[in-house]
C-alpha atoms as a PDB file:
ATOM      1  CA  MET A   1       8.530  17.197   6.587  1.00  0.00           C
ATOM      2  CA  GLY A   2      10.618  19.419   4.111  1.00  0.00           C
ATOM      3  CA  ALA A   3      10.529  18.995   0.163  1.00  0.00           C
ATOM      4  CA  TYR A   4       8.293  15.935  -1.305  1.00  0.00           C
ATOM      5  CA  ALA A   5      10.391  12.850  -2.081  1.00  0.00           C
ATOM      6  CA  ALA A   6      11.340  11.709  -5.975  1.00  0.00           C
ATOM      7  CA  GLU A   7      11.633   8.265  -5.481  1.00  0.00           C
ATOM      8  CA  VAL A   8       9.972   5.425  -2.965  1.00  0.00           C
ATOM      9  CA  ASP A   9      13.218   5.152  -0.987  1.00  0.00           C
ATOM     10  CA  ALA A  10      13.793   8.603  -0.044  1.00  0.00           C
ATOM     11  CA  TYR A  11       9.961   8.505   0.595  1.00  0.00           C
ATOM     12  CA  ILE A  12      10.290   5.324   3.256  1.00  0.00           C
ATOM     13  CA  MET A  13      13.345   6.981   4.763  1.00  0.00           C
ATOM     14  CA  GLN A  14      11.689  10.239   6.152  1.00  0.00           C
ATOM     15  CA  PHE A  15      10.023   8.563   8.639  1.00  0.00           C
ATOM     16  CA  ASP A  16      11.237   7.088  12.120  1.00  0.00           C
ATOM     17  CA  ASP A  17      12.178   3.070  11.943  1.00  0.00           C
ATOM     18  CA  GLU A  18       8.972   1.639  12.591  1.00  0.00           C
ATOM     19  CA  LYS A  19       6.501   3.778  10.099  1.00  0.00           C
ATOM     20  CA  GLN A  20      10.045   2.540   7.447  1.00  0.00           C
ATOM     21  CA  ARG A  21       9.534  -0.864   8.436  1.00  0.00           C
ATOM     22  CA  ARG A  22       6.048  -1.115   8.150  1.00  0.00           C
ATOM     23  CA  LEU A  23       6.026   0.109   4.836  1.00  0.00           C
ATOM     24  CA  GLN A  24       9.306  -1.539   4.023  1.00  0.00           C
ATOM     25  CA  SER A  25       7.417  -4.784   4.496  1.00  0.00           C
ATOM     26  CA  ILE A  26       4.325  -3.846   2.326  1.00  0.00           C
ATOM     27  CA  ARG A  27       6.909  -3.251  -0.235  1.00  0.00           C
ATOM     28  CA  SER A  28       8.562  -6.581  -0.126  1.00  0.00           C
ATOM     29  CA  LEU A  29       4.970  -7.867   0.184  1.00  0.00           C
ATOM     30  CA  VAL A  30       4.416  -6.376  -3.178  1.00  0.00           C
ATOM     31  CA  HIS A  31       7.306  -7.373  -4.534  1.00  0.00           C
ATOM     32  CA  ASP A  32       7.643 -11.052  -3.401  1.00  0.00           C
ATOM     33  CA  LEU A  33       4.112 -11.127  -5.302  1.00  0.00           C
ATOM     34  CA  VAL A  34       4.810  -9.144  -8.822  1.00  0.00           C
ATOM     35  CA  SER A  35       7.924  -9.930  -9.686  1.00  0.00           C
ATOM     36  CA  ASP A  36       7.845  -7.150 -12.975  1.00  0.00           C
ATOM     37  CA  ALA A  37       6.315  -4.642 -10.669  1.00  0.00           C
ATOM     38  CA  SER A  38       7.290  -1.159 -10.773  1.00  0.00           C
ATOM     39  CA  GLU A  39       7.668   1.483  -8.353  1.00  0.00           C
ATOM     40  CA  CYS A  40       6.962   5.228  -8.759  1.00  0.00           C
ATOM     41  CA  ILE A  41       5.872   8.113  -6.827  1.00  0.00           C
ATOM     42  CA  SER A  42       2.180   9.408  -7.762  1.00  0.00           C
ATOM     43  CA  TRP A  43       0.024  11.855  -5.609  1.00  0.00           C
ATOM     44  CA  ARG A  44       3.468  12.203  -3.695  1.00  0.00           C
ATOM     45  CA  MET A  45       2.951   8.126  -2.672  1.00  0.00           C
ATOM     46  CA  PRO A  46       4.644   5.312  -3.706  1.00  0.00           C
ATOM     47  CA  THR A  47       2.802   3.038  -6.059  1.00  0.00           C
ATOM     48  CA  PHE A  48       2.898   0.094  -7.507  1.00  0.00           C
ATOM     49  CA  ARG A  49       2.314  -0.758 -10.585  1.00  0.00           C
ATOM     50  CA  LEU A  50       1.689  -4.213 -12.702  1.00  0.00           C
ATOM     51  CA  ALA A  51       4.653  -3.765 -16.211  1.00  0.00           C
ATOM     52  CA  GLY A  52       2.137  -2.420 -19.054  1.00  0.00           C
ATOM     53  CA  GLY A  53      -0.490  -1.747 -17.018  1.00  0.00           C
ATOM     54  CA  GLY A  54      -2.152   0.138 -14.020  1.00  0.00           C
ATOM     55  CA  PRO A  55      -1.260   0.698  -9.962  1.00  0.00           C
ATOM     56  CA  ILE A  56      -1.668  -2.069  -7.925  1.00  0.00           C
ATOM     57  CA  ILE A  57      -0.983  -0.230  -4.471  1.00  0.00           C
ATOM     58  CA  GLN A  58      -0.457   2.562  -3.241  1.00  0.00           C
ATOM     59  CA  ILE A  59       1.298   3.289   0.392  1.00  0.00           C
ATOM     60  CA  ALA A  60       1.619   6.555   2.583  1.00  0.00           C
ATOM     61  CA  ALA A  61       2.644   7.218   5.958  1.00  0.00           C
ATOM     62  CA  PHE A  62       1.030   9.479   8.501  1.00  0.00           C
ATOM     63  CA  LYS A  63       0.821   9.931  12.223  1.00  0.00           C
ATOM     64  CA  ASN A  64      -0.695   7.338  13.782  1.00  0.00           C
ATOM     65  CA  HIS A  65      -1.290   4.967  10.303  1.00  0.00           C
ATOM     66  CA  ILE A  66       0.030   3.307   7.341  1.00  0.00           C
ATOM     67  CA  GLY A  67      -2.957   3.948   4.732  1.00  0.00           C
ATOM     68  CA  LEU A  68      -3.343   1.963   2.204  1.00  0.00           C
ATOM     69  CA  TYR A  69      -5.163   2.553  -1.113  1.00  0.00           C
ATOM     70  CA  PRO A  70      -5.780  -0.635  -3.256  1.00  0.00           C
ATOM     71  CA  GLU A  71      -8.496   1.011  -5.546  1.00  0.00           C
ATOM     72  CA  PRO A  72     -12.394   1.102  -4.390  1.00  0.00           C
ATOM     73  CA  GLU A  73     -13.338  -1.974  -5.808  1.00  0.00           C
ATOM     74  CA  ALA A  74     -10.983  -4.319  -4.047  1.00  0.00           C
ATOM     75  CA  ILE A  75     -12.042  -1.623  -0.264  1.00  0.00           C
ATOM     76  CA  GLU A  76     -15.494  -3.261  -1.612  1.00  0.00           C
ATOM     77  CA  ALA A  77     -14.620  -6.516  -1.819  1.00  0.00           C
ATOM     78  CA  PHE A  78     -12.866  -7.062   0.916  1.00  0.00           C
ATOM     79  CA  LYS A  79     -15.794  -5.031   3.569  1.00  0.00           C
ATOM     80  CA  ALA A  80     -15.939  -7.605   6.131  1.00  0.00           C
ATOM     81  CA  GLU A  81     -12.299  -8.015   6.360  1.00  0.00           C
ATOM     82  CA  LEU A  82     -11.750  -5.095   6.820  1.00  0.00           C
ATOM     83  CA  SER A  83     -15.287  -3.974   9.764  1.00  0.00           C
ATOM     84  CA  GLY A  84     -11.973  -3.300  12.847  1.00  0.00           C
ATOM     85  CA  PHE A  85      -9.743  -0.566  10.423  1.00  0.00           C
ATOM     86  CA  PRO A  86     -10.866   2.477   9.696  1.00  0.00           C
ATOM     87  CA  THR A  87     -11.596   2.744   5.572  1.00  0.00           C
ATOM     88  CA  SER A  88     -12.884   5.219   2.822  1.00  0.00           C
ATOM     89  CA  LYS A  89     -13.844   4.750  -0.442  1.00  0.00           C
ATOM     90  CA  GLY A  90     -10.292   4.626  -1.613  1.00  0.00           C
ATOM     91  CA  ALA A  91      -8.282   4.404   1.664  1.00  0.00           C
ATOM     92  CA  ILE A  92      -7.456   2.183   4.409  1.00  0.00           C
ATOM     93  CA  GLN A  93      -5.499   3.136   7.228  1.00  0.00           C
ATOM     94  CA  LEU A  94      -3.918   0.315   9.396  1.00  0.00           C
ATOM     95  CA  PRO A  95      -3.249   1.814  12.792  1.00  0.00           C
ATOM     96  CA  LEU A  96      -0.039   1.948  13.731  1.00  0.00           C
ATOM     97  CA  ASP A  97      -0.454   0.374  17.604  1.00  0.00           C
ATOM     98  CA  ARG A  98      -2.243  -2.854  16.113  1.00  0.00           C
ATOM     99  CA  PRO A  99       0.071  -5.676  14.092  1.00  0.00           C
ATOM    100  CA  LEU A 100       0.246  -5.455  10.297  1.00  0.00           C
ATOM    101  CA  PRO A 101      -2.601  -7.156   8.921  1.00  0.00           C
ATOM    102  CA  LEU A 102       0.042  -8.952   6.173  1.00  0.00           C
ATOM    103  CA  ASP A 103      -1.510 -11.967   5.187  1.00  0.00           C
ATOM    104  CA  LEU A 104      -4.483  -9.476   4.222  1.00  0.00           C
ATOM    105  CA  ILE A 105      -2.686  -7.612   1.978  1.00  0.00           C
ATOM    106  CA  HIS A 106      -1.928 -10.404   0.494  1.00  0.00           C
ATOM    107  CA  LYS A 107      -5.485 -10.768  -0.432  1.00  0.00           C
ATOM    108  CA  ILE A 108      -5.803  -7.917  -1.665  1.00  0.00           C
ATOM    109  CA  ILE A 109      -2.589  -7.311  -4.138  1.00  0.00           C
ATOM    110  CA  ALA A 110      -3.787 -10.810  -5.234  1.00  0.00           C
ATOM    111  CA  TYR A 111      -7.548  -9.577  -5.941  1.00  0.00           C
ATOM    112  CA  ARG A 112      -5.956  -6.045  -7.379  1.00  0.00           C
ATOM    113  CA  LEU A 113      -3.612  -8.484  -9.507  1.00  0.00           C
ATOM    114  CA  ARG A 114      -6.653 -10.696 -10.928  1.00  0.00           C
ATOM    115  CA  LEU A 115      -8.598  -7.312 -12.291  1.00  0.00           C
ATOM    116  CA  LEU A 116      -5.382  -6.608 -13.378  1.00  0.00           C
ATOM    117  CA  ARG A 117      -4.745  -9.377 -15.952  1.00  0.00           C
ATOM    118  CA  GLY A 118      -8.129  -9.852 -16.727  1.00  0.00           C
END
């Protein structure tokens, strides 16, 4: 990779077709669930924010996985459902050799929205 992308489309386009497809699937899911979500690049990653609120989720592509960054409390809340995925305090790794768990990502985004909207 050369220069860091300044906007989400440019970020996604720098990857191969499979990573682009996965990133776009998560992006579409966010916008389907949150009509007023805005997007930007923050910490060099696509970041989806609630209008007038905080970040809903961040995503990033790596060599062997897609990283999902839903804030630590979401990872803790879905600990049991995430047991089959590598996680850290703030990140979930979604391996490229497995189907994207869109139902679980949907639940995580909905959880983040409940927290942000109070």
